[in-house]
Amino acid sequence: MKRMEQKNFKKLILSGVLFVGLIAITFYLLFRKQNLGDLFQTLKLVNLMWVFIGVGCMFIYMCLDALNIKRILHILHQDISYFNCLRYTFSGFFFSSVTPSASGGQPMQIYYMFKDHIEISHSSLALLLNFASFQLVTITVAIISFLSEYRFLGDIGRTLKILLMIGVGVNSFLLVIVLMGIFSKTWSLKIVDFVLSLLQKLKVKQIEYLRQLAYDQIKKYQEGAVYIKTHQTRMGSVLLTTFFQVMAMHSVTYCVYRAFGLSDFSYLKVLSLQAILYIAVSAIPLPGAVGVSEGGFVMLFATLFPKMLIDSAMLLSRGISFYLFVAISGLVVLLGHLLIAKQNKKKEGLTS
């Protein structure tokens, strides 16, 4: 276990270095021709009330995510405190942000849940259902936004349109795979057999052991799916909560828009463009979609923000919705590890 933790720690360090490197390259490319003094001077003029509302929107986003995790775990007869669910949410946000394709988020959440005596089959099912709910809402909102703003988006450029199609396609594919994994035993077994046949061709050992492990996990998923089918009303409330969660996240850009004293465009228009941007960059396999998110913001919102404000607006928007909460969630993760270390020392003291 310790060897695995050391290996994961090394991977995290490498991901962190990549993350910091991407941020440095992104900001160099975006601001190399800018007067940074003027940029920060512009940021000093923003309406702080709207900035704090934007930060509040992100806190609402995190709190609603924790609420959904608690609800789903409760359906699976796992009694866990809301405080712990908040910890899972913040740790998921942090590790998703600093690892490519957000690959580190769910494994670390499962790890923390395991530490709290939640079975892996239950924690992984809860997170998959939460993920499916989030995917369904973000894809639906993005498609509706694109259709409603199609004329307005006529001049955004071919690159962003291609990214949008890729984003919708990849996220829809992931959603279908997750739902099949939870609710369709036949398709789940077919997918497992296909993946294992590929691994066998790559000379991977212990194929039968992996097969049995996967089959046992699928069996537990199916058992969990029975609970879900008998609690459809609660799952409906999870979807509704996810909708408000996504609205809160996308509202940050509107708060930034108002913080600069702008009001020509409506809340729905700004929110729609942000929904499109989010799904367009979400399929890019970079930590936190760093680089493409910043570049996409400048490209997509250039018609809403005056040219002299667009870079400052991007900096403030990403600062609130991403960088600030990477820092906050990183602090939560650090405090969590210190707490776990303290508890382990107490246990060692009792046994010695």
Protein backbone atom coordinates (compact mmCIF):
# COMPACT_ATOMS: atom_id res chain seq x y z
CA MET A 1 0.00 0.00 0.00
CA LYS A 2 2.84 2.35 0.95
CA ARG A 3 4.64 1.56 -2.32
CA MET A 4 1.44 2.39 -4.25
CA GLU A 5 1.07 5.67 -2.33
CA GLN A 6 4.71 6.58 -3.14
CA LYS A 7 4.08 5.79 -6.83
CA ASN A 8 0.92 7.93 -6.82
CA PHE A 9 2.83 10.73 -5.08
CA LYS A 10 5.52 10.67 -7.81
CA LYS A 11 2.81 10.82 -10.50
CA LEU A 12 1.20 13.74 -8.68
CA ILE A 13 4.53 15.61 -8.56
CA LEU A 14 5.04 15.07 -12.32
CA SER A 15 1.46 16.22 -13.02
CA GLY A 16 2.03 19.26 -10.81
CA VAL A 17 5.20 20.19 -12.71
CA LEU A 18 3.31 19.80 -16.02
CA PHE A 19 0.44 21.90 -14.63
CA VAL A 20 2.73 24.75 -13.51
CA GLY A 21 4.64 24.57 -16.81
CA LEU A 22 1.41 24.85 -18.83
CA ILE A 23 0.30 27.86 -16.77
CA ALA A 24 3.66 29.57 -17.35
CA ILE A 25 3.57 28.93 -21.13
CA THR A 26 -0.08 30.01 -21.38
CA PHE A 27 0.41 33.31 -19.58
CA TYR A 28 3.62 34.01 -21.51
CA LEU A 29 1.87 33.50 -24.88
CA LEU A 30 -1.20 35.50 -23.86
CA PHE A 31 0.53 38.42 -22.17
CA ARG A 32 3.95 38.68 -23.86
CA LYS A 33 2.78 41.72 -25.86
CA GLN A 34 0.74 43.22 -23.02
CA ASN A 35 1.68 45.89 -20.53
CA LEU A 36 1.22 43.98 -17.28
CA GLY A 37 1.08 47.23 -15.30
CA ASP A 38 -1.97 48.38 -17.30
CA LEU A 39 -3.50 44.91 -16.96
CA PHE A 40 -3.34 44.88 -13.17
CA GLN A 41 -4.38 48.53 -13.03
CA THR A 42 -7.56 47.56 -14.89
CA LEU A 43 -8.20 44.74 -12.42
CA LYS A 44 -8.03 47.25 -9.55
CA LEU A 45 -11.03 49.09 -11.01
CA VAL A 46 -13.46 46.15 -10.90
CA ASN A 47 -16.57 46.15 -8.73
CA LEU A 48 -15.57 43.89 -5.81
CA MET A 49 -19.19 43.09 -4.97
CA TRP A 50 -19.54 41.19 -8.26
CA VAL A 51 -16.17 39.50 -7.72
CA PHE A 52 -17.35 38.19 -4.34
CA ILE A 53 -20.64 37.04 -5.91
CA GLY A 54 -18.58 35.13 -8.50
CA VAL A 55 -16.53 33.47 -5.74
CA GLY A 56 -19.82 32.67 -3.98
CA CYS A 57 -21.10 30.99 -7.16
CA MET A 58 -18.09 28.68 -7.13
CA PHE A 59 -18.63 27.85 -3.47
CA ILE A 60 -22.26 27.01 -4.31
CA TYR A 61 -20.96 24.77 -7.12
CA MET A 62 -18.71 22.88 -4.69
CA CYS A 63 -21.38 22.63 -1.97
CA LEU A 64 -23.99 21.25 -4.38
CA ASP A 65 -21.52 18.66 -5.66
CA ALA A 66 -20.94 17.51 -2.07
CA LEU A 67 -24.71 17.38 -1.52
CA ASN A 68 -25.13 15.08 -4.53
CA ILE A 69 -22.35 12.76 -3.36
CA LYS A 70 -24.02 12.52 0.07
CA ARG A 71 -27.44 11.85 -1.50
CA ILE A 72 -26.18 9.05 -3.74
CA LEU A 73 -24.16 7.45 -0.93
CA HIS A 74 -27.28 7.60 1.25
CA ILE A 75 -29.27 5.75 -1.46
CA LEU A 76 -26.53 3.07 -1.30
CA HIS A 77 -26.99 2.90 2.52
CA GLN A 78 -23.68 4.62 3.25
CA ASP A 79 -24.08 7.05 6.14
CA ILE A 80 -21.43 9.76 5.76
CA SER A 81 -21.33 13.33 7.02
CA TYR A 82 -21.77 16.33 4.71
CA PHE A 83 -18.41 17.65 5.93
CA ASN A 84 -16.66 14.53 4.62
CA CYS A 85 -18.53 14.83 1.31
CA LEU A 86 -17.23 18.41 1.01
CA ARG A 87 -13.73 17.04 1.56
CA TYR A 88 -14.27 14.52 -1.26
CA THR A 89 -15.49 17.33 -3.54
CA PHE A 90 -12.51 19.59 -2.87
CA SER A 91 -10.01 16.74 -3.22
CA GLY A 92 -11.67 15.70 -6.49
CA PHE A 93 -11.47 19.26 -7.82
CA PHE A 94 -7.79 19.54 -6.91
CA PHE A 95 -6.59 16.23 -8.34
CA SER A 96 -8.78 16.60 -11.46
CA SER A 97 -7.28 20.05 -12.05
CA VAL A 98 -3.61 19.05 -11.82
CA THR A 99 -3.75 15.74 -13.73
CA PRO A 100 -4.18 15.20 -17.51
CA SER A 101 -7.79 14.51 -18.61
CA ALA A 102 -8.87 15.00 -14.96
CA SER A 103 -7.71 11.39 -14.44
CA GLY A 104 -6.61 11.82 -10.82
CA GLY A 105 -9.86 13.16 -9.36
CA GLN A 106 -12.06 10.08 -8.92
CA PRO A 107 -9.28 7.65 -7.84
CA MET A 108 -8.27 10.01 -5.04
CA GLN A 109 -11.89 10.52 -3.98
CA ILE A 110 -12.29 6.72 -3.83
CA TYR A 111 -9.08 6.54 -1.78
CA TYR A 112 -10.39 9.07 0.77
CA MET A 113 -13.76 7.30 0.93
CA PHE A 114 -11.97 3.99 1.52
CA LYS A 115 -10.18 5.63 4.44
CA ASP A 116 -13.65 6.48 5.78
CA HIS A 117 -14.67 2.78 5.52
CA ILE A 118 -16.80 3.11 2.36
CA GLU A 119 -16.54 0.07 0.08
CA ILE A 120 -14.89 0.73 -3.29
CA SER A 121 -17.91 -0.67 -5.15
CA HIS A 122 -20.17 1.88 -3.42
CA SER A 123 -17.81 4.86 -3.71
CA SER A 124 -17.03 4.23 -7.39
CA LEU A 125 -20.73 3.75 -8.21
CA ALA A 126 -21.65 6.96 -6.36
CA LEU A 127 -18.98 8.92 -8.22
CA LEU A 128 -19.95 7.40 -11.58
CA LEU A 129 -23.59 8.37 -11.05
CA ASN A 130 -22.56 11.87 -10.01
CA PHE A 131 -20.33 12.08 -13.08
CA ALA A 132 -23.15 10.84 -15.35
CA SER A 133 -25.52 13.47 -13.94
CA PHE A 134 -22.92 16.19 -14.51
CA GLN A 135 -22.17 15.03 -18.06
CA LEU A 136 -25.86 14.87 -18.98
CA VAL A 137 -26.53 18.40 -17.71
CA THR A 138 -23.40 20.06 -19.18
CA ILE A 139 -23.92 18.43 -22.60
CA THR A 140 -27.63 19.33 -22.70
CA VAL A 141 -27.02 22.94 -21.61
CA ALA A 142 -24.18 23.32 -24.16
CA ILE A 143 -26.28 21.98 -27.06
CA ILE A 144 -29.26 24.21 -26.17
CA SER A 145 -26.88 27.18 -25.81
CA PHE A 146 -25.28 26.49 -29.18
CA LEU A 147 -28.65 26.25 -30.94
CA SER A 148 -29.95 29.44 -29.30
CA GLU A 149 -26.75 31.38 -30.06
CA TYR A 150 -25.99 29.86 -33.49
CA ARG A 151 -26.26 33.16 -35.39
CA PHE A 152 -24.23 35.02 -32.80
CA LEU A 153 -21.52 32.35 -33.03
CA GLY A 154 -21.18 32.72 -36.80
CA ASP A 155 -17.85 34.54 -36.55
CA ILE A 156 -16.18 32.66 -33.69
CA GLY A 157 -13.90 30.74 -35.98
CA ARG A 158 -13.65 27.20 -37.25
CA THR A 159 -11.24 26.02 -34.52
CA LEU A 160 -13.67 26.62 -31.67
CA LYS A 161 -16.53 25.01 -33.61
CA ILE A 162 -14.41 21.89 -34.17
CA LEU A 163 -13.49 21.85 -30.47
CA LEU A 164 -17.18 22.11 -29.60
CA MET A 165 -18.08 19.12 -31.80
CA ILE A 166 -15.21 17.08 -30.33
CA GLY A 167 -16.20 18.10 -26.80
CA VAL A 168 -19.85 17.11 -27.25
CA GLY A 169 -18.84 13.87 -29.00
CA VAL A 170 -16.27 12.76 -26.40
CA ASN A 171 -18.44 13.71 -23.41
CA SER A 172 -21.51 11.99 -24.91
CA PHE A 173 -19.45 8.84 -25.54
CA LEU A 174 -18.19 8.84 -21.93
CA LEU A 175 -21.74 9.32 -20.65
CA VAL A 176 -23.01 6.33 -22.67
CA ILE A 177 -20.12 4.14 -21.45
CA VAL A 178 -20.78 5.08 -17.81
CA LEU A 179 -24.53 4.43 -18.08
CA MET A 180 -23.91 1.08 -19.80
CA GLY A 181 -21.41 0.16 -17.08
CA ILE A 182 -24.00 0.82 -14.39
CA PHE A 183 -27.26 -0.36 -15.94
CA SER A 184 -26.38 -2.90 -18.67
CA LYS A 185 -24.66 -6.07 -17.50
CA THR A 186 -24.44 -7.51 -21.04
CA TRP A 187 -22.69 -4.47 -22.50
CA SER A 188 -20.47 -4.13 -19.42
CA LEU A 189 -19.21 -7.69 -19.84
CA LYS A 190 -18.65 -7.14 -23.57
CA ILE A 191 -16.60 -4.00 -22.89
CA VAL A 192 -14.54 -5.79 -20.22
CA ASP A 193 -13.88 -8.78 -22.51
CA PHE A 194 -12.87 -6.45 -25.36
CA VAL A 195 -10.45 -4.48 -23.16
CA LEU A 196 -8.97 -7.66 -21.69
CA SER A 197 -8.48 -9.18 -25.16
CA LEU A 198 -6.47 -6.08 -26.11
CA LEU A 199 -4.42 -6.39 -22.92
CA GLN A 200 -3.80 -10.07 -23.68
CA LYS A 201 -2.42 -9.14 -27.10
CA LEU A 202 -0.11 -6.69 -25.32
CA LYS A 203 1.18 -9.64 -23.23
CA VAL A 204 -0.29 -8.33 -19.98
CA LYS A 205 -0.17 -11.00 -17.25
CA GLN A 206 -2.90 -12.22 -14.85
CA ILE A 207 -5.71 -11.65 -17.37
CA GLU A 208 -8.05 -14.14 -15.67
CA TYR A 209 -7.47 -12.49 -12.30
CA LEU A 210 -8.31 -9.10 -13.83
CA ARG A 211 -11.39 -10.62 -15.50
CA GLN A 212 -12.70 -12.00 -12.20
CA LEU A 213 -11.98 -8.67 -10.49
CA ALA A 214 -13.90 -6.78 -13.20
CA TYR A 215 -16.81 -9.26 -13.13
CA ASP A 216 -17.10 -8.92 -9.34
CA GLN A 217 -17.11 -5.13 -9.67
CA ILE A 218 -19.82 -5.25 -12.38
CA LYS A 219 -21.93 -7.50 -10.13
CA LYS A 220 -21.70 -4.93 -7.34
CA TYR A 221 -22.55 -2.13 -9.81
CA GLN A 222 -25.67 -4.04 -10.86
CA GLU A 223 -26.68 -4.47 -7.22
CA GLY A 224 -26.20 -0.73 -6.74
CA ALA A 225 -28.19 0.01 -9.90
CA VAL A 226 -31.17 -1.79 -8.33
CA TYR A 227 -31.11 0.75 -5.49
CA ILE A 228 -31.01 3.58 -8.03
CA LYS A 229 -34.00 2.22 -9.98
CA THR A 230 -36.04 2.03 -6.79
CA HIS A 231 -35.11 5.62 -5.83
CA GLN A 232 -35.89 7.43 -9.09
CA THR A 233 -37.31 10.48 -7.29
CA ARG A 234 -34.06 10.97 -5.39
CA MET A 235 -32.05 10.58 -8.58
CA GLY A 236 -34.31 13.20 -10.14
CA SER A 237 -33.38 15.54 -7.30
CA VAL A 238 -29.70 14.76 -7.99
CA LEU A 239 -30.18 15.84 -11.63
CA LEU A 240 -31.98 19.01 -10.55
CA THR A 241 -29.21 19.83 -8.07
CA THR A 242 -26.62 19.24 -10.80
CA PHE A 243 -28.47 21.71 -13.03
CA PHE A 244 -28.21 24.45 -10.39
CA GLN A 245 -24.60 23.43 -9.77
CA VAL A 246 -23.71 23.89 -13.45
CA MET A 247 -25.63 27.19 -13.60
CA ALA A 248 -23.63 28.46 -10.61
CA MET A 249 -20.33 27.52 -12.28
CA HIS A 250 -21.25 29.13 -15.61
CA SER A 251 -22.52 32.27 -13.81
CA VAL A 252 -18.98 33.25 -12.78
CA THR A 253 -18.31 34.77 -16.21
CA TYR A 254 -21.43 36.94 -15.96
CA CYS A 255 -20.26 38.16 -12.53
CA VAL A 256 -16.93 39.12 -14.11
CA TYR A 257 -18.80 40.84 -16.96
CA ARG A 258 -20.76 42.94 -14.44
CA ALA A 259 -17.65 43.53 -12.31
CA PHE A 260 -16.20 45.53 -15.21
CA GLY A 261 -19.33 47.69 -15.28
CA LEU A 262 -20.72 46.09 -18.46
CA SER A 263 -24.41 45.37 -18.99
CA ASP A 264 -25.10 45.43 -22.76
CA PHE A 265 -25.55 41.65 -22.98
CA SER A 266 -27.99 39.56 -20.95
CA TYR A 267 -27.21 36.99 -18.28
CA LEU A 268 -28.49 34.19 -20.53
CA LYS A 269 -26.22 35.17 -23.43
CA VAL A 270 -23.09 35.27 -21.26
CA LEU A 271 -24.06 32.00 -19.56
CA SER A 272 -24.75 30.33 -22.93
CA LEU A 273 -21.34 31.29 -24.30
CA GLN A 274 -19.63 30.01 -21.14
CA ALA A 275 -21.55 26.71 -21.40
CA ILE A 276 -20.32 26.33 -24.99
CA LEU A 277 -16.74 27.17 -24.02
CA TYR A 278 -16.76 24.68 -21.13
CA ILE A 279 -17.85 21.71 -23.24
CA ALA A 280 -15.55 22.73 -26.13
CA VAL A 281 -12.38 22.62 -24.01
CA SER A 282 -13.37 19.77 -21.65
CA ALA A 283 -12.17 17.03 -24.02
CA ILE A 284 -8.63 18.46 -24.27
CA PRO A 285 -6.33 16.09 -22.30
CA LEU A 286 -4.42 18.82 -20.44
CA PRO A 287 -4.49 19.45 -16.67
CA GLY A 288 -7.42 21.80 -16.04
CA ALA A 289 -7.63 22.42 -19.82
CA VAL A 290 -4.97 25.07 -19.14
CA GLY A 291 -4.13 27.06 -22.26
CA VAL A 292 -7.18 26.18 -24.34
CA SER A 293 -9.58 27.57 -21.73
CA GLU A 294 -7.75 30.90 -21.61
CA GLY A 295 -7.35 31.10 -25.39
CA GLY A 296 -10.95 30.03 -25.97
CA PHE A 297 -12.22 32.68 -23.55
CA VAL A 298 -10.37 35.46 -25.39
CA MET A 299 -11.69 34.17 -28.73
CA LEU A 300 -15.31 33.58 -27.68
CA PHE A 301 -15.90 36.62 -25.46
CA ALA A 302 -14.09 39.17 -27.64
CA THR A 303 -17.47 40.43 -28.89
CA LEU A 304 -18.84 40.92 -25.35
CA PHE A 305 -15.85 42.57 -23.69
CA PRO A 306 -14.09 45.66 -25.11
CA LYS A 307 -10.66 44.83 -26.54
CA MET A 308 -8.91 46.72 -23.75
CA LEU A 309 -10.67 44.58 -21.10
CA ILE A 310 -10.73 41.08 -22.60
CA ASP A 311 -7.36 39.92 -21.19
CA SER A 312 -8.16 41.25 -17.71
CA ALA A 313 -11.61 39.63 -17.89
CA MET A 314 -10.09 36.28 -18.84
CA LEU A 315 -7.60 36.54 -15.99
CA LEU A 316 -10.31 37.36 -13.45
CA SER A 317 -12.77 34.74 -14.74
CA ARG A 318 -10.24 31.90 -14.71
CA GLY A 319 -8.82 33.21 -11.47
CA ILE A 320 -12.18 32.84 -9.73
CA SER A 321 -13.50 29.67 -11.37
CA PHE A 322 -10.24 27.73 -11.51
CA TYR A 323 -6.97 29.00 -10.02
CA LEU A 324 -8.44 30.26 -6.73
CA PHE A 325 -10.24 26.98 -6.12
CA VAL A 326 -7.21 24.90 -7.09
CA ALA A 327 -5.41 26.75 -4.29
CA ILE A 328 -8.30 26.35 -1.81
CA SER A 329 -8.84 22.67 -2.64
CA GLY A 330 -5.07 22.07 -2.43
CA LEU A 331 -5.14 23.51 1.09
CA VAL A 332 -8.10 21.23 1.98
CA VAL A 333 -6.15 18.21 0.66
CA LEU A 334 -3.07 19.20 2.69
CA LEU A 335 -5.11 19.61 5.88
CA GLY A 336 -6.81 16.28 5.18
CA HIS A 337 -3.47 14.49 4.87
CA LEU A 338 -2.21 16.10 8.08
CA LEU A 339 -5.38 14.90 9.83
CA ILE A 340 -4.94 11.35 8.49
CA ALA A 341 -1.27 11.36 9.57
CA LYS A 342 -2.30 12.51 13.06
CA GLN A 343 -4.93 9.74 13.31
CA ASN A 344 -2.38 7.12 12.16
CA LYS A 345 0.07 8.28 14.85
CA LYS A 346 -2.65 7.93 17.49
CA LYS A 347 -3.41 4.37 16.30
CA GLU A 348 0.31 3.48 16.39
CA GLY A 349 0.52 4.90 19.91
CA LEU A 350 -2.41 2.76 21.07
CA THR A 351 -1.03 -0.45 19.56
CA SER A 352 2.52 0.03 20.88
